[in-house]
């Protein structure tokens, strides 16, 4: 009697996370996964080297990662990219890279809001947690990770809204507004470094449908300064 045959397909998934260069991470760059049915295994990951801009490193980094693990470009069946909010240049580089690669390879492309990537590194005992991204001018783009794992987008907010959110902790980078830190101290809320890791992108992508490469757009917290300044000059 011959053993029963199983029809399993191995997929190679590439994840890209460059959204907030100021975040704390040991793999702020790219990661490769091997997926069979609902199970997955990390093949390898590479961070963007310190002192090197993402724009100068990401394609070389991906090529090096694939070469190291004998993965050909055509082997990649899905690309997952963290799309923000975050830094304007970093998001533009990440989404353009993902868009071009997916279009060239002809593979699926999944866009994941960065708050979901951050949530993957937050322990249950620190929830509900405020995830603060793209902080600037006493404002931050925020989401709340609830105790049950659900993520609710708050959007751009100032520190006066913190108390009403009934959070236990705040996860942010070093640019968290001083007003947020002061409010957190008054309320007894702990502040932790936000971690954005390419190795968390696959789990964070659960439930997000693929998008067409040409439809991929980054999520910006606010209008880029260059455009704002151009508008102001145009009014004069």
C-alpha atoms as a PDB file:
ATOM      1  CA  UNK A   1       0.000   0.000   0.000  1.00  0.00           C
ATOM      2  CA  UNK A   2       1.562   3.283  -1.094  1.00  0.00           C
ATOM      3  CA  UNK A   3       1.680   6.253   1.282  1.00  0.00           C
ATOM      4  CA  UNK A   4      -0.962   8.900   0.797  1.00  0.00           C
ATOM      5  CA  UNK A   5       0.236  11.789  -1.335  1.00  0.00           C
ATOM      6  CA  UNK A   6      -0.020  15.345  -0.145  1.00  0.00           C
ATOM      7  CA  UNK A   7      -0.292  18.386  -2.340  1.00  0.00           C
ATOM      8  CA  UNK A   8       1.655  21.139  -0.625  1.00  0.00           C
ATOM      9  CA  UNK A   9       3.045  24.249  -2.245  1.00  0.00           C
ATOM     10  CA  UNK A  10       6.032  26.060  -0.818  1.00  0.00           C
ATOM     11  CA  UNK A  11       5.890  29.816  -1.160  1.00  0.00           C
ATOM     12  CA  UNK A  12       8.705  32.287  -0.668  1.00  0.00           C
ATOM     13  CA  UNK A  13       7.649  35.585   0.906  1.00  0.00           C
ATOM     14  CA  UNK A  14       9.747  38.750   0.996  1.00  0.00           C
ATOM     15  CA  UNK A  15       8.983  41.346   3.692  1.00  0.00           C
ATOM     16  CA  UNK A  16      10.193  44.960   3.620  1.00  0.00           C
ATOM     17  CA  UNK A  17      10.122  47.311   6.646  1.00  0.00           C
ATOM     18  CA  UNK A  18      11.707  50.741   6.303  1.00  0.00           C
ATOM     19  CA  UNK A  19       8.861  52.972   7.464  1.00  0.00           C
ATOM     20  CA  UNK A  20      10.358  54.717  10.499  1.00  0.00           C
ATOM     21  CA  UNK A  21      14.179  54.756  10.471  1.00  0.00           C
ATOM     22  CA  UNK A  22      14.239  56.140  14.029  1.00  0.00           C
ATOM     23  CA  UNK A  23      12.465  53.072  15.449  1.00  0.00           C
ATOM     24  CA  UNK A  24      14.228  50.485  17.580  1.00  0.00           C
ATOM     25  CA  UNK A  25      14.789  47.316  15.573  1.00  0.00           C
ATOM     26  CA  UNK A  26      17.317  44.601  14.945  1.00  0.00           C
ATOM     27  CA  UNK A  27      15.950  43.886  11.479  1.00  0.00           C
ATOM     28  CA  UNK A  28      14.766  47.183  10.066  1.00  0.00           C
ATOM     29  CA  UNK A  29      15.185  46.058   6.472  1.00  0.00           C
ATOM     30  CA  UNK A  30      14.094  42.839   4.790  1.00  0.00           C
ATOM     31  CA  UNK A  31      13.215  39.252   5.666  1.00  0.00           C
ATOM     32  CA  UNK A  32      12.529  36.055   3.727  1.00  0.00           C
ATOM     33  CA  UNK A  33      10.038  33.372   4.742  1.00  0.00           C
ATOM     34  CA  UNK A  34       9.221  29.876   3.529  1.00  0.00           C
ATOM     35  CA  UNK A  35       5.474  29.194   3.749  1.00  0.00           C
ATOM     36  CA  UNK A  36       3.692  25.861   3.403  1.00  0.00           C
ATOM     37  CA  UNK A  37      -0.072  25.985   3.873  1.00  0.00           C
ATOM     38  CA  UNK A  38      -0.662  27.903   7.128  1.00  0.00           C
ATOM     39  CA  UNK A  39       2.831  27.285   8.531  1.00  0.00           C
ATOM     40  CA  UNK A  40       5.820  29.499   7.912  1.00  0.00           C
ATOM     41  CA  UNK A  41       9.510  29.529   8.717  1.00  0.00           C
ATOM     42  CA  UNK A  42      11.954  32.413   8.691  1.00  0.00           C
ATOM     43  CA  UNK A  43      14.649  31.812   6.084  1.00  0.00           C
ATOM     44  CA  UNK A  44      16.706  34.856   6.991  1.00  0.00           C
ATOM     45  CA  UNK A  45      16.683  38.599   7.543  1.00  0.00           C
ATOM     46  CA  UNK A  46      19.031  41.540   7.096  1.00  0.00           C
ATOM     47  CA  UNK A  47      18.921  44.993   8.674  1.00  0.00           C
ATOM     48  CA  UNK A  48      19.836  48.197   6.914  1.00  0.00           C
ATOM     49  CA  UNK A  49      23.418  48.821   8.108  1.00  0.00           C
ATOM     50  CA  UNK A  50      23.924  51.700  10.534  1.00  0.00           C
ATOM     51  CA  UNK A  51      24.923  54.920   8.853  1.00  0.00           C
ATOM     52  CA  UNK A  52      23.615  53.924   5.421  1.00  0.00           C
ATOM     53  CA  UNK A  53      20.457  55.427   3.946  1.00  0.00           C
ATOM     54  CA  UNK A  54      17.653  53.035   3.027  1.00  0.00           C
ATOM     55  CA  UNK A  55      17.671  54.392  -0.523  1.00  0.00           C
ATOM     56  CA  UNK A  56      21.290  53.315  -0.915  1.00  0.00           C
ATOM     57  CA  UNK A  57      20.887  49.919   0.720  1.00  0.00           C
ATOM     58  CA  UNK A  58      17.545  48.209   0.263  1.00  0.00           C
ATOM     59  CA  UNK A  59      17.959  46.680  -3.209  1.00  0.00           C
ATOM     60  CA  UNK A  60      21.514  45.570  -2.435  1.00  0.00           C
ATOM     61  CA  UNK A  61      20.303  44.198   0.892  1.00  0.00           C
ATOM     62  CA  UNK A  62      17.497  42.184  -0.749  1.00  0.00           C
ATOM     63  CA  UNK A  63      19.832  40.859  -3.430  1.00  0.00           C
ATOM     64  CA  UNK A  64      22.368  39.829  -0.794  1.00  0.00           C
ATOM     65  CA  UNK A  65      19.693  38.132   1.329  1.00  0.00           C
ATOM     66  CA  UNK A  66      18.384  36.132  -1.639  1.00  0.00           C
ATOM     67  CA  UNK A  67      21.875  35.164  -2.786  1.00  0.00           C
ATOM     68  CA  UNK A  68      22.851  34.048   0.711  1.00  0.00           C
ATOM     69  CA  UNK A  69      19.880  31.662   0.820  1.00  0.00           C
ATOM     70  CA  UNK A  70      19.969  30.662  -2.889  1.00  0.00           C
ATOM     71  CA  UNK A  71      16.623  32.295  -3.636  1.00  0.00           C
ATOM     72  CA  UNK A  72      16.042  33.450  -7.197  1.00  0.00           C
ATOM     73  CA  UNK A  73      13.829  36.501  -7.837  1.00  0.00           C
ATOM     74  CA  UNK A  74      11.316  34.306  -9.629  1.00  0.00           C
ATOM     75  CA  UNK A  75      10.990  32.131  -6.517  1.00  0.00           C
ATOM     76  CA  UNK A  76       9.297  34.944  -4.593  1.00  0.00           C
ATOM     77  CA  UNK A  77       5.516  34.538  -4.695  1.00  0.00           C
ATOM     78  CA  UNK A  78       4.529  37.386  -2.365  1.00  0.00           C
ATOM     79  CA  UNK A  79       5.961  40.686  -1.171  1.00  0.00           C
ATOM     80  CA  UNK A  80       4.755  42.311   2.044  1.00  0.00           C
ATOM     81  CA  UNK A  81       5.595  45.942   2.719  1.00  0.00           C
ATOM     82  CA  UNK A  82       5.033  48.152   5.753  1.00  0.00           C
ATOM     83  CA  UNK A  83       3.349  51.276   4.341  1.00  0.00           C
ATOM     84  CA  UNK A  84       3.235  53.758   7.220  1.00  0.00           C
ATOM     85  CA  UNK A  85       2.622  56.215   8.637  1.00  0.00           C
ATOM     86  CA  UNK A  86       6.278  57.069   8.867  1.00  0.00           C
ATOM     87  CA  UNK A  87       9.014  59.088   7.251  1.00  0.00           C
ATOM     88  CA  UNK A  88       8.197  60.508   3.831  1.00  0.00           C
ATOM     89  CA  UNK A  89      11.411  59.409   2.125  1.00  0.00           C
ATOM     90  CA  UNK A  90      11.578  56.022   3.861  1.00  0.00           C
ATOM     91  CA  UNK A  91       7.992  55.180   2.882  1.00  0.00           C
ATOM     92  CA  UNK A  92       8.510  56.310  -0.691  1.00  0.00           C
ATOM     93  CA  UNK A  93      11.586  54.106  -1.000  1.00  0.00           C
ATOM     94  CA  UNK A  94       9.899  51.073   0.589  1.00  0.00           C
ATOM     95  CA  UNK A  95       6.718  51.257  -1.475  1.00  0.00           C
ATOM     96  CA  UNK A  96       8.512  52.018  -4.741  1.00  0.00           C
ATOM     97  CA  UNK A  97      10.877  49.090  -4.191  1.00  0.00           C
ATOM     98  CA  UNK A  98       8.000  46.724  -3.396  1.00  0.00           C
ATOM     99  CA  UNK A  99       5.953  48.003  -6.330  1.00  0.00           C
ATOM    100  CA  UNK A 100       8.764  47.598  -8.865  1.00  0.00           C
ATOM    101  CA  UNK A 101       9.772  44.151  -7.610  1.00  0.00           C
ATOM    102  CA  UNK A 102       6.193  42.827  -7.544  1.00  0.00           C
ATOM    103  CA  UNK A 103       5.496  44.177 -11.029  1.00  0.00           C
ATOM    104  CA  UNK A 104       8.754  42.770 -12.426  1.00  0.00           C
ATOM    105  CA  UNK A 105       8.439  39.352 -10.773  1.00  0.00           C
ATOM    106  CA  UNK A 106       4.702  39.129 -11.274  1.00  0.00           C
ATOM    107  CA  UNK A 107       3.998  38.161  -7.668  1.00  0.00           C
ATOM    108  CA  UNK A 108       1.368  39.145  -5.104  1.00  0.00           C
ATOM    109  CA  UNK A 109       1.820  42.357  -3.145  1.00  0.00           C
ATOM    110  CA  UNK A 110       0.376  43.030   0.323  1.00  0.00           C
ATOM    111  CA  UNK A 111       0.411  46.439   2.034  1.00  0.00           C
ATOM    112  CA  UNK A 112       0.414  46.446   5.841  1.00  0.00           C
ATOM    113  CA  UNK A 113      -0.167  49.547   7.992  1.00  0.00           C
ATOM    114  CA  UNK A 114       2.892  50.016  10.182  1.00  0.00           C
ATOM    115  CA  UNK A 115       0.886  49.958  13.427  1.00  0.00           C
ATOM    116  CA  UNK A 116       0.195  46.261  12.792  1.00  0.00           C
ATOM    117  CA  UNK A 117       3.912  45.552  12.467  1.00  0.00           C
ATOM    118  CA  UNK A 118       4.560  47.408  15.726  1.00  0.00           C
ATOM    119  CA  UNK A 119       1.737  45.526  17.478  1.00  0.00           C
ATOM    120  CA  UNK A 120       3.422  42.184  16.776  1.00  0.00           C
ATOM    121  CA  UNK A 121       6.200  43.095  19.229  1.00  0.00           C
ATOM    122  CA  UNK A 122       3.956  44.337  22.052  1.00  0.00           C
ATOM    123  CA  UNK A 123       3.421  41.897  24.900  1.00  0.00           C
ATOM    124  CA  UNK A 124      -0.152  41.247  26.122  1.00  0.00           C
ATOM    125  CA  UNK A 125       0.619  42.563  29.617  1.00  0.00           C
ATOM    126  CA  UNK A 126       1.361  46.018  28.157  1.00  0.00           C
ATOM    127  CA  UNK A 127      -2.002  46.356  26.433  1.00  0.00           C
ATOM    128  CA  UNK A 128      -4.006  48.458  25.832  1.00  0.00           C
ATOM    129  CA  UNK A 129      -1.088  50.247  24.219  1.00  0.00           C
ATOM    130  CA  UNK A 130      -0.825  53.453  22.251  1.00  0.00           C
ATOM    131  CA  UNK A 131       1.292  53.115  19.110  1.00  0.00           C
ATOM    132  CA  UNK A 132       2.650  56.539  18.164  1.00  0.00           C
ATOM    133  CA  UNK A 133       4.149  57.051  14.711  1.00  0.00           C
ATOM    134  CA  UNK A 134       5.411  60.009  12.682  1.00  0.00           C
ATOM    135  CA  UNK A 135       5.616  62.383  15.667  1.00  0.00           C
ATOM    136  CA  UNK A 136       6.035  66.061  14.869  1.00  0.00           C
ATOM    137  CA  UNK A 137       5.054  69.458  16.285  1.00  0.00           C
ATOM    138  CA  UNK A 138       3.431  68.041  19.451  1.00  0.00           C
ATOM    139  CA  UNK A 139       1.314  65.669  17.353  1.00  0.00           C
ATOM    140  CA  UNK A 140       1.583  61.973  16.490  1.00  0.00           C
ATOM    141  CA  UNK A 141      -0.334  59.544  14.319  1.00  0.00           C
ATOM    142  CA  UNK A 142      -1.709  57.056  16.834  1.00  0.00           C
ATOM    143  CA  UNK A 143      -3.415  53.689  17.018  1.00  0.00           C
ATOM    144  CA  UNK A 144      -4.509  51.716  20.073  1.00  0.00           C
ATOM    145  CA  UNK A 145      -3.718  48.017  20.428  1.00  0.00           C
ATOM    146  CA  UNK A 146      -6.515  46.719  22.616  1.00  0.00           C
ATOM    147  CA  UNK A 147      -6.211  43.899  25.155  1.00  0.00           C
ATOM    148  CA  UNK A 148      -7.915  41.492  22.717  1.00  0.00           C
ATOM    149  CA  UNK A 149      -5.400  42.246  19.955  1.00  0.00           C
ATOM    150  CA  UNK A 150      -7.665  44.498  17.912  1.00  0.00           C
ATOM    151  CA  UNK A 151      -6.117  47.683  16.540  1.00  0.00           C
ATOM    152  CA  UNK A 152      -8.096  50.911  16.419  1.00  0.00           C
ATOM    153  CA  UNK A 153      -6.795  53.879  14.456  1.00  0.00           C
ATOM    154  CA  UNK A 154      -7.041  57.192  16.282  1.00  0.00           C
ATOM    155  CA  UNK A 155      -5.243  59.296  13.682  1.00  0.00           C
ATOM    156  CA  UNK A 156      -3.347  62.511  14.321  1.00  0.00           C
ATOM    157  CA  UNK A 157      -3.742  63.569  17.951  1.00  0.00           C
ATOM    158  CA  UNK A 158      -2.161  65.647  20.683  1.00  0.00           C
ATOM    159  CA  UNK A 159      -1.415  64.716  24.286  1.00  0.00           C
ATOM    160  CA  UNK A 160      -4.750  65.973  25.613  1.00  0.00           C
ATOM    161  CA  UNK A 161      -6.488  62.883  24.214  1.00  0.00           C
ATOM    162  CA  UNK A 162      -4.301  60.331  25.998  1.00  0.00           C
ATOM    163  CA  UNK A 163      -6.231  60.090  29.256  1.00  0.00           C
ATOM    164  CA  UNK A 164      -9.541  59.228  27.535  1.00  0.00           C
ATOM    165  CA  UNK A 165      -7.956  56.269  25.739  1.00  0.00           C
ATOM    166  CA  UNK A 166      -7.410  54.297  29.000  1.00  0.00           C
ATOM    167  CA  UNK A 167      -4.078  52.887  27.861  1.00  0.00           C
ATOM    168  CA  UNK A 168      -1.451  51.092  29.892  1.00  0.00           C
ATOM    169  CA  UNK A 169       1.616  51.948  27.818  1.00  0.00           C
ATOM    170  CA  UNK A 170       2.928  54.002  24.907  1.00  0.00           C
ATOM    171  CA  UNK A 171       5.229  52.683  22.187  1.00  0.00           C
ATOM    172  CA  UNK A 172       7.101  55.360  20.265  1.00  0.00           C
ATOM    173  CA  UNK A 173      10.464  56.402  18.860  1.00  0.00           C
ATOM    174  CA  UNK A 174      12.755  59.083  20.224  1.00  0.00           C
ATOM    175  CA  UNK A 175      10.731  61.837  18.553  1.00  0.00           C
ATOM    176  CA  UNK A 176       7.686  61.346  20.782  1.00  0.00           C
ATOM    177  CA  UNK A 177       6.542  64.881  21.682  1.00  0.00           C
ATOM    178  CA  UNK A 178       7.563  66.093  25.127  1.00  0.00           C
ATOM    179  CA  UNK A 179       3.885  66.790  25.856  1.00  0.00           C
ATOM    180  CA  UNK A 180       3.099  63.076  25.392  1.00  0.00           C
ATOM    181  CA  UNK A 181       5.893  62.079  27.752  1.00  0.00           C
ATOM    182  CA  UNK A 182       4.776  64.592  30.379  1.00  0.00           C
ATOM    183  CA  UNK A 183       1.164  63.434  30.176  1.00  0.00           C
ATOM    184  CA  UNK A 184       2.233  59.790  30.412  1.00  0.00           C
ATOM    185  CA  UNK A 185       4.266  60.535  33.531  1.00  0.00           C
ATOM    186  CA  UNK A 186       1.308  62.255  35.176  1.00  0.00           C
ATOM    187  CA  UNK A 187      -0.980  59.325  34.391  1.00  0.00           C
ATOM    188  CA  UNK A 188       1.520  56.621  35.368  1.00  0.00           C
ATOM    189  CA  UNK A 189       1.748  55.299  31.802  1.00  0.00           C
ATOM    190  CA  UNK A 190       4.974  53.554  30.821  1.00  0.00           C
ATOM    191  CA  UNK A 191       6.758  54.513  27.581  1.00  0.00           C
ATOM    192  CA  UNK A 192       8.659  51.876  25.581  1.00  0.00           C
ATOM    193  CA  UNK A 193      10.741  51.988  22.378  1.00  0.00           C
ATOM    194  CA  UNK A 194       8.661  50.997  19.375  1.00  0.00           C
ATOM    195  CA  UNK A 195      10.034  48.002  17.467  1.00  0.00           C
ATOM    196  CA  UNK A 196       9.467  47.743  13.717  1.00  0.00           C
ATOM    197  CA  UNK A 197      10.948  44.521  12.458  1.00  0.00           C
ATOM    198  CA  UNK A 198      10.710  43.010   8.978  1.00  0.00           C
ATOM    199  CA  UNK A 199      10.407  39.595  10.667  1.00  0.00           C
ATOM    200  CA  UNK A 200       7.009  40.654  12.067  1.00  0.00           C
ATOM    201  CA  UNK A 201       5.538  41.679   8.710  1.00  0.00           C
ATOM    202  CA  UNK A 202       4.201  38.255   7.775  1.00  0.00           C
ATOM    203  CA  UNK A 203       2.132  37.806  10.932  1.00  0.00           C
ATOM    204  CA  UNK A 204       1.016  41.442  10.704  1.00  0.00           C
ATOM    205  CA  UNK A 205      -0.266  40.901   7.153  1.00  0.00           C
ATOM    206  CA  UNK A 206      -2.923  38.349   8.148  1.00  0.00           C
ATOM    207  CA  UNK A 207      -6.306  39.528   6.914  1.00  0.00           C
ATOM    208  CA  UNK A 208      -4.984  42.039   4.377  1.00  0.00           C
ATOM    209  CA  UNK A 209      -5.848  41.359   0.744  1.00  0.00           C
ATOM    210  CA  UNK A 210      -3.293  41.702  -2.068  1.00  0.00           C
ATOM    211  CA  UNK A 211      -3.178  44.950  -4.040  1.00  0.00           C
ATOM    212  CA  UNK A 212      -2.161  45.674  -7.607  1.00  0.00           C
ATOM    213  CA  UNK A 213       1.423  47.008  -7.688  1.00  0.00           C
ATOM    214  CA  UNK A 214       0.410  50.216  -9.436  1.00  0.00           C
ATOM    215  CA  UNK A 215      -2.281  50.828  -6.791  1.00  0.00           C
ATOM    216  CA  UNK A 216       0.120  50.624  -3.855  1.00  0.00           C
ATOM    217  CA  UNK A 217       0.280  53.869  -1.890  1.00  0.00           C
ATOM    218  CA  UNK A 218       2.137  54.795   1.318  1.00  0.00           C
ATOM    219  CA  UNK A 219       0.196  56.138   4.295  1.00  0.00           C
ATOM    220  CA  UNK A 220       1.445  59.605   5.168  1.00  0.00           C
ATOM    221  CA  UNK A 221       0.531  61.096   8.522  1.00  0.00           C
ATOM    222  CA  UNK A 222       0.586  64.575   7.070  1.00  0.00           C
ATOM    223  CA  UNK A 223       1.468  66.444   3.922  1.00  0.00           C
ATOM    224  CA  UNK A 224       5.247  66.429   3.285  1.00  0.00           C
ATOM    225  CA  UNK A 225       7.027  69.648   4.282  1.00  0.00           C
ATOM    226  CA  UNK A 226       8.233  70.259   0.723  1.00  0.00           C
ATOM    227  CA  UNK A 227       4.656  70.308  -0.593  1.00  0.00           C
ATOM    228  CA  UNK A 228       3.430  72.481   2.298  1.00  0.00           C
ATOM    229  CA  UNK A 229       6.206  74.995   1.657  1.00  0.00           C
ATOM    230  CA  UNK A 230       5.440  74.977  -2.057  1.00  0.00           C
ATOM    231  CA  UNK A 231       1.775  75.747  -1.338  1.00  0.00           C
ATOM    232  CA  UNK A 232       2.769  78.619   0.930  1.00  0.00           C
ATOM    233  CA  UNK A 233       5.065  80.094  -1.702  1.00  0.00           C
ATOM    234  CA  UNK A 234       2.333  79.765  -4.334  1.00  0.00           C
ATOM    235  CA  UNK A 235      -0.002  81.902  -2.187  1.00  0.00           C
ATOM    236  CA  UNK A 236       2.440  84.817  -2.120  1.00  0.00           C
END
